[in-house]
Amino acid sequence: MFSFNQLFGTYWYGVCVSCHMDIIRIILSILLPPLGVFLQVGIGLQFWINILLTLFGYVPGIIHALYIILTRD
């Protein structure tokens, strides 16, 4: 099975596909921070840290989620 990037590259009809996914992850991180982290790194240490931060306070969860999304490839 081929992935989207293998078939079309990172640009499809002149549109940066990975840029759109980052925007979607950022919006989801503002609404539900653990979901954005899950989409970026899966279920791992950062996901569980984000759940704890979100339980302690909504804003720390958002900050951590945005940090994970914006610093990881």
PDB file of N, CA and C in Angstrom:
ATOM      1  N   MET A   1       0.846  -1.177   0.000  1.00  0.00           N
ATOM      2  CA  MET A   1       0.000   0.000   0.000  1.00  0.00           C
ATOM      3  C   MET A   1       0.892   1.241   0.000  1.00  0.00           C
ATOM      4  N   PHE A   2       0.548   2.203  -0.793  1.00  0.00           N
ATOM      5  CA  PHE A   2       1.316   3.435  -0.879  1.00  0.00           C
ATOM      6  C   PHE A   2       0.664   4.519  -0.038  1.00  0.00           C
ATOM      7  N   SER A   3       1.515   5.335   0.578  1.00  0.00           N
ATOM      8  CA  SER A   3       0.979   6.467   1.327  1.00  0.00           C
ATOM      9  C   SER A   3       0.718   7.630   0.365  1.00  0.00           C
ATOM     10  N   PHE A   4       0.007   8.620   0.859  1.00  0.00           N
ATOM     11  CA  PHE A   4      -0.317   9.792   0.054  1.00  0.00           C
ATOM     12  C   PHE A   4       0.958  10.499  -0.397  1.00  0.00           C
ATOM     13  N   ASN A   5       1.938  10.634   0.533  1.00  0.00           N
ATOM     14  CA  ASN A   5       3.174  11.334   0.181  1.00  0.00           C
ATOM     15  C   ASN A   5       3.998  10.579  -0.843  1.00  0.00           C
ATOM     16  N   GLN A   6       3.962   9.245  -0.821  1.00  0.00           N
ATOM     17  CA  GLN A   6       4.694   8.480  -1.812  1.00  0.00           C
ATOM     18  C   GLN A   6       4.077   8.656  -3.201  1.00  0.00           C
ATOM     19  N   LEU A   7       2.778   8.771  -3.254  1.00  0.00           N
ATOM     20  CA  LEU A   7       2.109   8.910  -4.543  1.00  0.00           C
ATOM     21  C   LEU A   7       2.207  10.324  -5.100  1.00  0.00           C
ATOM     22  N   PHE A   8       2.008  11.317  -4.249  1.00  0.00           N
ATOM     23  CA  PHE A   8       1.907  12.696  -4.736  1.00  0.00           C
ATOM     24  C   PHE A   8       3.017  13.616  -4.234  1.00  0.00           C
ATOM     25  N   GLY A   9       3.835  13.177  -3.301  1.00  0.00           N
ATOM     26  CA  GLY A   9       4.841  14.049  -2.705  1.00  0.00           C
ATOM     27  C   GLY A   9       4.187  14.914  -1.641  1.00  0.00           C
ATOM     28  N   THR A  10       4.937  15.872  -1.133  1.00  0.00           N
ATOM     29  CA  THR A  10       4.366  16.728  -0.093  1.00  0.00           C
ATOM     30  C   THR A  10       3.479  17.825  -0.671  1.00  0.00           C
ATOM     31  N   TYR A  11       3.530  18.024  -1.980  1.00  0.00           N
ATOM     32  CA  TYR A  11       2.677  19.024  -2.611  1.00  0.00           C
ATOM     33  C   TYR A  11       1.703  18.323  -3.544  1.00  0.00           C
ATOM     34  N   TRP A  12       0.455  18.694  -3.472  1.00  0.00           N
ATOM     35  CA  TRP A  12      -0.570  18.113  -4.329  1.00  0.00           C
ATOM     36  C   TRP A  12      -1.360  19.257  -4.920  1.00  0.00           C
ATOM     37  N   TYR A  13      -1.286  19.419  -6.208  1.00  0.00           N
ATOM     38  CA  TYR A  13      -1.900  20.560  -6.911  1.00  0.00           C
ATOM     39  C   TYR A  13      -1.401  21.885  -6.353  1.00  0.00           C
ATOM     40  N   GLY A  14      -0.123  21.949  -6.004  1.00  0.00           N
ATOM     41  CA  GLY A  14       0.480  23.178  -5.518  1.00  0.00           C
ATOM     42  C   GLY A  14       0.157  23.514  -4.079  1.00  0.00           C
ATOM     43  N   VAL A  15      -0.473  22.601  -3.355  1.00  0.00           N
ATOM     44  CA  VAL A  15      -0.862  22.852  -1.972  1.00  0.00           C
ATOM     45  C   VAL A  15      -0.008  21.985  -1.060  1.00  0.00           C
ATOM     46  N   CYS A  16       0.550  22.574  -0.028  1.00  0.00           N
ATOM     47  CA  CYS A  16       1.376  21.842   0.930  1.00  0.00           C
ATOM     48  C   CYS A  16       0.471  20.989   1.818  1.00  0.00           C
ATOM     49  N   VAL A  17       0.546  19.672   1.637  1.00  0.00           N
ATOM     50  CA  VAL A  17      -0.322  18.754   2.372  1.00  0.00           C
ATOM     51  C   VAL A  17       0.027  18.742   3.853  1.00  0.00           C
ATOM     52  N   SER A  18       1.303  18.695   4.193  1.00  0.00           N
ATOM     53  CA  SER A  18       1.690  18.633   5.603  1.00  0.00           C
ATOM     54  C   SER A  18       1.329  19.920   6.336  1.00  0.00           C
ATOM     55  N   CYS A  19       1.306  21.053   5.631  1.00  0.00           N
ATOM     56  CA  CYS A  19       0.919  22.323   6.259  1.00  0.00           C
ATOM     57  C   CYS A  19      -0.545  22.286   6.696  1.00  0.00           C
ATOM     58  N   HIS A  20      -1.395  21.701   5.865  1.00  0.00           N
ATOM     59  CA  HIS A  20      -2.813  21.600   6.218  1.00  0.00           C
ATOM     60  C   HIS A  20      -3.017  20.683   7.410  1.00  0.00           C
ATOM     61  N   MET A  21      -2.257  19.606   7.485  1.00  0.00           N
ATOM     62  CA  MET A  21      -2.380  18.695   8.621  1.00  0.00           C
ATOM     63  C   MET A  21      -1.941  19.378   9.911  1.00  0.00           C
ATOM     64  N   ASP A  22      -0.894  20.212   9.837  1.00  0.00           N
ATOM     65  CA  ASP A  22      -0.464  20.946  11.029  1.00  0.00           C
ATOM     66  C   ASP A  22      -1.554  21.895  11.495  1.00  0.00           C
ATOM     67  N   ILE A  23      -2.218  22.560  10.565  1.00  0.00           N
ATOM     68  CA  ILE A  23      -3.292  23.478  10.933  1.00  0.00           C
ATOM     69  C   ILE A  23      -4.437  22.714  11.591  1.00  0.00           C
ATOM     70  N   ILE A  24      -4.774  21.555  11.056  1.00  0.00           N
ATOM     71  CA  ILE A  24      -5.840  20.740  11.642  1.00  0.00           C
ATOM     72  C   ILE A  24      -5.443  20.283  13.036  1.00  0.00           C
ATOM     73  N   ARG A  25      -4.184  19.848  13.215  1.00  0.00           N
ATOM     74  CA  ARG A  25      -3.716  19.430  14.538  1.00  0.00           C
ATOM     75  C   ARG A  25      -3.741  20.579  15.534  1.00  0.00           C
ATOM     76  N   ILE A  26      -3.379  21.774  15.099  1.00  0.00           N
ATOM     77  CA  ILE A  26      -3.380  22.935  15.996  1.00  0.00           C
ATOM     78  C   ILE A  26      -4.807  23.258  16.428  1.00  0.00           C
ATOM     79  N   ILE A  27      -5.746  23.248  15.497  1.00  0.00           N
ATOM     80  CA  ILE A  27      -7.145  23.522  15.852  1.00  0.00           C
ATOM     81  C   ILE A  27      -7.666  22.467  16.811  1.00  0.00           C
ATOM     82  N   LEU A  28      -7.376  21.197  16.542  1.00  0.00           N
ATOM     83  CA  LEU A  28      -7.819  20.134  17.440  1.00  0.00           C
ATOM     84  C   LEU A  28      -7.147  20.241  18.809  1.00  0.00           C
ATOM     85  N   SER A  29      -5.899  20.718  18.843  1.00  0.00           N
ATOM     86  CA  SER A  29      -5.199  20.877  20.116  1.00  0.00           C
ATOM     87  C   SER A  29      -5.820  21.965  20.975  1.00  0.00           C
ATOM     88  N   ILE A  30      -6.368  22.972  20.346  1.00  0.00           N
ATOM     89  CA  ILE A  30      -7.035  24.023  21.110  1.00  0.00           C
ATOM     90  C   ILE A  30      -8.354  23.511  21.665  1.00  0.00           C
ATOM     91  N   LEU A  31      -9.048  22.687  20.893  1.00  0.00           N
ATOM     92  CA  LEU A  31     -10.333  22.145  21.349  1.00  0.00           C
ATOM     93  C   LEU A  31     -10.146  21.010  22.347  1.00  0.00           C
ATOM     94  N   LEU A  32      -9.233  20.080  22.044  1.00  0.00           N
ATOM     95  CA  LEU A  32      -8.993  18.914  22.893  1.00  0.00           C
ATOM     96  C   LEU A  32      -7.505  18.558  22.785  1.00  0.00           C
ATOM     97  N   PRO A  33      -6.688  19.094  23.684  1.00  0.00           N
ATOM     98  CA  PRO A  33      -5.230  18.958  23.570  1.00  0.00           C
ATOM     99  C   PRO A  33      -4.708  17.529  23.392  1.00  0.00           C
ATOM    100  N   PRO A  34      -5.198  16.528  24.142  1.00  0.00           N
ATOM    101  CA  PRO A  34      -4.646  15.176  23.932  1.00  0.00           C
ATOM    102  C   PRO A  34      -4.885  14.626  22.523  1.00  0.00           C
ATOM    103  N   LEU A  35      -5.950  15.041  21.875  1.00  0.00           N
ATOM    104  CA  LEU A  35      -6.219  14.561  20.515  1.00  0.00           C
ATOM    105  C   LEU A  35      -5.157  15.061  19.541  1.00  0.00           C
ATOM    106  N   GLY A  36      -4.767  16.317  19.670  1.00  0.00           N
ATOM    107  CA  GLY A  36      -3.715  16.850  18.804  1.00  0.00           C
ATOM    108  C   GLY A  36      -2.387  16.144  19.015  1.00  0.00           C
ATOM    109  N   VAL A  37      -2.056  15.860  20.274  1.00  0.00           N
ATOM    110  CA  VAL A  37      -0.809  15.144  20.569  1.00  0.00           C
ATOM    111  C   VAL A  37      -0.884  13.718  20.034  1.00  0.00           C
ATOM    112  N   PHE A  38      -2.026  13.069  20.205  1.00  0.00           N
ATOM    113  CA  PHE A  38      -2.203  11.709  19.690  1.00  0.00           C
ATOM    114  C   PHE A  38      -2.003  11.666  18.184  1.00  0.00           C
ATOM    115  N   LEU A  39      -2.551  12.627  17.458  1.00  0.00           N
ATOM    116  CA  LEU A  39      -2.396  12.647  16.004  1.00  0.00           C
ATOM    117  C   LEU A  39      -0.955  12.907  15.584  1.00  0.00           C
ATOM    118  N   GLN A  40      -0.194  13.582  16.439  1.00  0.00           N
ATOM    119  CA  GLN A  40       1.195  13.891  16.110  1.00  0.00           C
ATOM    120  C   GLN A  40       2.139  12.733  16.457  1.00  0.00           C
ATOM    121  N   VAL A  41       2.029  12.188  17.672  1.00  0.00           N
ATOM    122  CA  VAL A  41       3.015  11.205  18.131  1.00  0.00           C
ATOM    123  C   VAL A  41       2.423   9.853  18.501  1.00  0.00           C
ATOM    124  N   GLY A  42       1.115   9.715  18.502  1.00  0.00           N
ATOM    125  CA  GLY A  42       0.496   8.455  18.890  1.00  0.00           C
ATOM    126  C   GLY A  42       0.405   8.334  20.404  1.00  0.00           C
ATOM    127  N   ILE A  43       0.102   7.111  20.858  1.00  0.00           N
ATOM    128  CA  ILE A  43       0.002   6.888  22.299  1.00  0.00           C
ATOM    129  C   ILE A  43       1.389   6.557  22.818  1.00  0.00           C
ATOM    130  N   GLY A  44       1.953   7.488  23.520  1.00  0.00           N
ATOM    131  CA  GLY A  44       3.292   7.337  24.085  1.00  0.00           C
ATOM    132  C   GLY A  44       3.417   8.228  25.300  1.00  0.00           C
ATOM    133  N   LEU A  45       4.639   8.459  25.711  1.00  0.00           N
ATOM    134  CA  LEU A  45       4.891   9.259  26.902  1.00  0.00           C
ATOM    135  C   LEU A  45       4.316  10.666  26.784  1.00  0.00           C
ATOM    136  N   GLN A  46       4.513  11.323  25.639  1.00  0.00           N
ATOM    137  CA  GLN A  46       4.022  12.697  25.468  1.00  0.00           C
ATOM    138  C   GLN A  46       2.502  12.765  25.531  1.00  0.00           C
ATOM    139  N   PHE A  47       1.832  11.740  25.031  1.00  0.00           N
ATOM    140  CA  PHE A  47       0.372  11.694  25.096  1.00  0.00           C
ATOM    141  C   PHE A  47      -0.101  11.661  26.548  1.00  0.00           C
ATOM    142  N   TRP A  48       0.516  10.782  27.355  1.00  0.00           N
ATOM    143  CA  TRP A  48       0.108  10.664  28.760  1.00  0.00           C
ATOM    144  C   TRP A  48       0.471  11.910  29.559  1.00  0.00           C
ATOM    145  N   ILE A  49       1.612  12.521  29.259  1.00  0.00           N
ATOM    146  CA  ILE A  49       1.972  13.789  29.914  1.00  0.00           C
ATOM    147  C   ILE A  49       0.930  14.843  29.587  1.00  0.00           C
ATOM    148  N   ASN A  50       0.489  14.873  28.331  1.00  0.00           N
ATOM    149  CA  ASN A  50      -0.508  15.861  27.937  1.00  0.00           C
ATOM    150  C   ASN A  50      -1.841  15.619  28.631  1.00  0.00           C
ATOM    151  N   ILE A  51      -2.218  14.374  28.809  1.00  0.00           N
ATOM    152  CA  ILE A  51      -3.463  14.090  29.527  1.00  0.00           C
ATOM    153  C   ILE A  51      -3.370  14.605  30.962  1.00  0.00           C
ATOM    154  N   LEU A  52      -2.234  14.364  31.624  1.00  0.00           N
ATOM    155  CA  LEU A  52      -2.059  14.863  32.994  1.00  0.00           C
ATOM    156  C   LEU A  52      -2.095  16.387  33.049  1.00  0.00           C
ATOM    157  N   LEU A  53      -1.397  17.029  32.117  1.00  0.00           N
ATOM    158  CA  LEU A  53      -1.393  18.493  32.089  1.00  0.00           C
ATOM    159  C   LEU A  53      -2.785  19.048  31.821  1.00  0.00           C
ATOM    160  N   THR A  54      -3.536  18.397  30.965  1.00  0.00           N
ATOM    161  CA  THR A  54      -4.901  18.845  30.673  1.00  0.00           C
ATOM    162  C   THR A  54      -5.803  18.659  31.883  1.00  0.00           C
ATOM    163  N   LEU A  55      -5.594  17.583  32.637  1.00  0.00           N
ATOM    164  CA  LEU A  55      -6.386  17.382  33.858  1.00  0.00           C
ATOM    165  C   LEU A  55      -6.039  18.412  34.929  1.00  0.00           C
ATOM    166  N   PHE A  56      -4.751  18.801  35.004  1.00  0.00           N
ATOM    167  CA  PHE A  56      -4.341  19.812  35.981  1.00  0.00           C
ATOM    168  C   PHE A  56      -4.844  21.197  35.594  1.00  0.00           C
ATOM    169  N   GLY A  57      -4.971  21.437  34.314  1.00  0.00           N
ATOM    170  CA  GLY A  57      -5.445  22.728  33.829  1.00  0.00           C
ATOM    171  C   GLY A  57      -5.490  22.703  32.317  1.00  0.00           C
ATOM    172  N   TYR A  58      -6.510  23.281  31.773  1.00  0.00           N
ATOM    173  CA  TYR A  58      -6.717  23.244  30.321  1.00  0.00           C
ATOM    174  C   TYR A  58      -5.591  23.958  29.568  1.00  0.00           C
ATOM    175  N   VAL A  59      -5.160  25.101  30.079  1.00  0.00           N
ATOM    176  CA  VAL A  59      -4.139  25.904  29.391  1.00  0.00           C
ATOM    177  C   VAL A  59      -2.783  25.188  29.334  1.00  0.00           C
ATOM    178  N   PRO A  60      -2.301  24.567  30.426  1.00  0.00           N
ATOM    179  CA  PRO A  60      -1.035  23.825  30.292  1.00  0.00           C
ATOM    180  C   PRO A  60      -1.105  22.701  29.257  1.00  0.00           C
ATOM    181  N   GLY A  61      -2.253  22.054  29.140  1.00  0.00           N
ATOM    182  CA  GLY A  61      -2.421  21.022  28.127  1.00  0.00           C
ATOM    183  C   GLY A  61      -2.323  21.590  26.722  1.00  0.00           C
ATOM    184  N   ILE A  62      -2.914  22.758  26.508  1.00  0.00           N
ATOM    185  CA  ILE A  62      -2.840  23.409  25.191  1.00  0.00           C
ATOM    186  C   ILE A  62      -1.409  23.809  24.864  1.00  0.00           C
ATOM    187  N   ILE A  63      -0.724  24.395  25.829  1.00  0.00           N
ATOM    188  CA  ILE A  63       0.657  24.832  25.599  1.00  0.00           C
ATOM    189  C   ILE A  63       1.541  23.637  25.246  1.00  0.00           C
ATOM    190  N   HIS A  64       1.401  22.560  25.994  1.00  0.00           N
ATOM    191  CA  HIS A  64       2.202  21.360  25.723  1.00  0.00           C
ATOM    192  C   HIS A  64       1.858  20.776  24.351  1.00  0.00           C
ATOM    193  N   ALA A  65       0.588  20.713  24.018  1.00  0.00           N
ATOM    194  CA  ALA A  65       0.176  20.172  22.714  1.00  0.00           C
ATOM    195  C   ALA A  65       0.741  21.011  21.569  1.00  0.00           C
ATOM    196  N   LEU A  66       0.661  22.316  21.681  1.00  0.00           N
ATOM    197  CA  LEU A  66       1.202  23.178  20.637  1.00  0.00           C
ATOM    198  C   LEU A  66       2.714  23.022  20.522  1.00  0.00           C
ATOM    199  N   TYR A  67       3.389  22.881  21.674  1.00  0.00           N
ATOM    200  CA  TYR A  67       4.828  22.663  21.659  1.00  0.00           C
ATOM    201  C   TYR A  67       5.176  21.372  20.916  1.00  0.00           C
ATOM    202  N   ILE A  68       4.456  20.305  21.201  1.00  0.00           N
ATOM    203  CA  ILE A  68       4.724  19.024  20.551  1.00  0.00           C
ATOM    204  C   ILE A  68       4.460  19.109  19.051  1.00  0.00           C
ATOM    205  N   ILE A  69       3.386  19.737  18.659  1.00  0.00           N
ATOM    206  CA  ILE A  69       3.035  19.819  17.235  1.00  0.00           C
ATOM    207  C   ILE A  69       4.013  20.697  16.456  1.00  0.00           C
ATOM    208  N   LEU A  70       4.403  21.805  17.044  1.00  0.00           N
ATOM    209  CA  LEU A  70       5.250  22.752  16.314  1.00  0.00           C
ATOM    210  C   LEU A  70       6.730  22.379  16.314  1.00  0.00           C
ATOM    211  N   THR A  71       7.168  21.495  17.227  1.00  0.00           N
ATOM    212  CA  THR A  71       8.594  21.160  17.272  1.00  0.00           C
ATOM    213  C   THR A  71       8.915  19.795  16.685  1.00  0.00           C
ATOM    214  N   ARG A  72       7.927  18.954  16.432  1.00  0.00           N
ATOM    215  CA  ARG A  72       8.199  17.615  15.906  1.00  0.00           C
ATOM    216  C   ARG A  72       7.818  17.545  14.437  1.00  0.00           C
ATOM    217  N   ASP A  73       8.557  16.716  13.709  1.00  0.00           N
ATOM    218  CA  ASP A  73       8.265  16.524  12.276  1.00  0.00           C
ATOM    219  C   ASP A  73       7.284  15.419  12.071  1.00  0.00           C
TER     220      ASP A  73
END
